[in-house]
């Protein structure tokens, strides 16, 4: 029997706009820019679906990827 990872009630799924990699995150991170773990390109986390308690989230400005460097790129 395969175990299935359950999602937190605040999490939602979305796809990388470049490679269609399925991703998930908590709704509070909508609007942030991240690096896709599959294709390594920068993407913006979309707004969560309706009904999650969050509406339109303004994109976060700045270079948020600087605070979360991808694995393997240690300085």
C-alpha atoms as a PDB file:
ATOM      1  CA  UNK A   1       0.000   0.000   0.000  1.00  0.00           C
ATOM      2  CA  UNK A   2       1.349   3.423  -0.968  1.00  0.00           C
ATOM      3  CA  UNK A   3       1.303   6.212   1.587  1.00  0.00           C
ATOM      4  CA  UNK A   4      -0.034   9.495   0.357  1.00  0.00           C
ATOM      5  CA  UNK A   5       1.296  12.773   1.718  1.00  0.00           C
ATOM      6  CA  UNK A   6      -1.565  14.856   3.040  1.00  0.00           C
ATOM      7  CA  UNK A   7      -1.671  18.555   2.361  1.00  0.00           C
ATOM      8  CA  UNK A   8      -2.042  21.151   5.058  1.00  0.00           C
ATOM      9  CA  UNK A   9      -5.431  22.894   4.819  1.00  0.00           C
ATOM     10  CA  UNK A  10      -3.612  26.145   3.970  1.00  0.00           C
ATOM     11  CA  UNK A  11      -1.719  24.560   1.060  1.00  0.00           C
ATOM     12  CA  UNK A  12      -2.688  24.670  -2.581  1.00  0.00           C
ATOM     13  CA  UNK A  13      -1.259  23.153  -5.741  1.00  0.00           C
ATOM     14  CA  UNK A  14      -0.007  24.990  -8.801  1.00  0.00           C
ATOM     15  CA  UNK A  15       2.304  24.318 -11.738  1.00  0.00           C
ATOM     16  CA  UNK A  16       5.528  25.906 -12.945  1.00  0.00           C
ATOM     17  CA  UNK A  17       4.688  28.183 -15.867  1.00  0.00           C
ATOM     18  CA  UNK A  18       7.824  27.026 -17.708  1.00  0.00           C
ATOM     19  CA  UNK A  19       8.024  23.232 -17.238  1.00  0.00           C
ATOM     20  CA  UNK A  20       4.619  22.309 -15.731  1.00  0.00           C
ATOM     21  CA  UNK A  21       6.266  20.837 -12.620  1.00  0.00           C
ATOM     22  CA  UNK A  22       3.521  20.315 -10.004  1.00  0.00           C
ATOM     23  CA  UNK A  23       4.235  22.354  -6.879  1.00  0.00           C
ATOM     24  CA  UNK A  24       2.411  23.157  -3.665  1.00  0.00           C
ATOM     25  CA  UNK A  25       2.755  25.781  -0.972  1.00  0.00           C
ATOM     26  CA  UNK A  26       0.847  27.538   1.742  1.00  0.00           C
ATOM     27  CA  UNK A  27      -1.491  30.322   0.672  1.00  0.00           C
ATOM     28  CA  UNK A  28       0.449  32.886   2.717  1.00  0.00           C
ATOM     29  CA  UNK A  29       3.345  32.621   0.225  1.00  0.00           C
ATOM     30  CA  UNK A  30       1.275  33.668  -2.802  1.00  0.00           C
ATOM     31  CA  UNK A  31       2.912  36.474  -4.738  1.00  0.00           C
ATOM     32  CA  UNK A  32       6.463  35.475  -3.827  1.00  0.00           C
ATOM     33  CA  UNK A  33       9.022  34.693  -6.447  1.00  0.00           C
ATOM     34  CA  UNK A  34      10.735  31.309  -6.155  1.00  0.00           C
ATOM     35  CA  UNK A  35      13.046  29.125  -8.182  1.00  0.00           C
ATOM     36  CA  UNK A  36      11.369  26.058  -9.656  1.00  0.00           C
ATOM     37  CA  UNK A  37      13.083  22.960  -8.245  1.00  0.00           C
ATOM     38  CA  UNK A  38      12.758  21.179 -11.619  1.00  0.00           C
ATOM     39  CA  UNK A  39      13.791  23.738 -14.272  1.00  0.00           C
ATOM     40  CA  UNK A  40      15.552  26.250 -11.971  1.00  0.00           C
ATOM     41  CA  UNK A  41      13.756  29.226 -13.566  1.00  0.00           C
ATOM     42  CA  UNK A  42      12.176  31.965 -11.461  1.00  0.00           C
ATOM     43  CA  UNK A  43       8.407  31.788 -11.129  1.00  0.00           C
ATOM     44  CA  UNK A  44       5.866  33.712  -9.096  1.00  0.00           C
ATOM     45  CA  UNK A  45       3.576  31.743  -6.787  1.00  0.00           C
ATOM     46  CA  UNK A  46       0.034  32.429  -8.044  1.00  0.00           C
ATOM     47  CA  UNK A  47      -2.925  33.565  -5.991  1.00  0.00           C
ATOM     48  CA  UNK A  48      -4.598  30.680  -4.159  1.00  0.00           C
ATOM     49  CA  UNK A  49      -7.968  29.388  -5.343  1.00  0.00           C
ATOM     50  CA  UNK A  50     -11.123  31.060  -4.068  1.00  0.00           C
ATOM     51  CA  UNK A  51     -12.379  29.864  -0.705  1.00  0.00           C
ATOM     52  CA  UNK A  52      -9.026  29.658   1.075  1.00  0.00           C
ATOM     53  CA  UNK A  53      -9.442  32.900   2.999  1.00  0.00           C
ATOM     54  CA  UNK A  54      -6.974  34.792   0.803  1.00  0.00           C
ATOM     55  CA  UNK A  55      -7.939  36.960  -2.114  1.00  0.00           C
ATOM     56  CA  UNK A  56      -5.714  38.898  -4.456  1.00  0.00           C
ATOM     57  CA  UNK A  57      -2.172  39.011  -3.146  1.00  0.00           C
ATOM     58  CA  UNK A  58       0.149  41.715  -4.403  1.00  0.00           C
ATOM     59  CA  UNK A  59       3.410  40.381  -5.851  1.00  0.00           C
ATOM     60  CA  UNK A  60       6.254  40.718  -3.413  1.00  0.00           C
ATOM     61  CA  UNK A  61       8.967  43.038  -4.580  1.00  0.00           C
ATOM     62  CA  UNK A  62      12.638  42.445  -4.129  1.00  0.00           C
ATOM     63  CA  UNK A  63      14.792  39.409  -4.610  1.00  0.00           C
ATOM     64  CA  UNK A  64      13.180  36.827  -2.360  1.00  0.00           C
ATOM     65  CA  UNK A  65      15.217  34.037  -3.965  1.00  0.00           C
ATOM     66  CA  UNK A  66      18.349  35.519  -2.345  1.00  0.00           C
ATOM     67  CA  UNK A  67      17.064  34.407   1.054  1.00  0.00           C
ATOM     68  CA  UNK A  68      16.422  30.843  -0.111  1.00  0.00           C
ATOM     69  CA  UNK A  69      19.320  29.788  -2.367  1.00  0.00           C
ATOM     70  CA  UNK A  70      18.713  26.578  -4.311  1.00  0.00           C
ATOM     71  CA  UNK A  71      20.287  23.399  -2.997  1.00  0.00           C
ATOM     72  CA  UNK A  72      23.700  22.661  -4.429  1.00  0.00           C
ATOM     73  CA  UNK A  73      24.656  26.299  -5.025  1.00  0.00           C
ATOM     74  CA  UNK A  74      26.488  26.874  -1.773  1.00  0.00           C
ATOM     75  CA  UNK A  75      28.626  29.998  -1.738  1.00  0.00           C
END
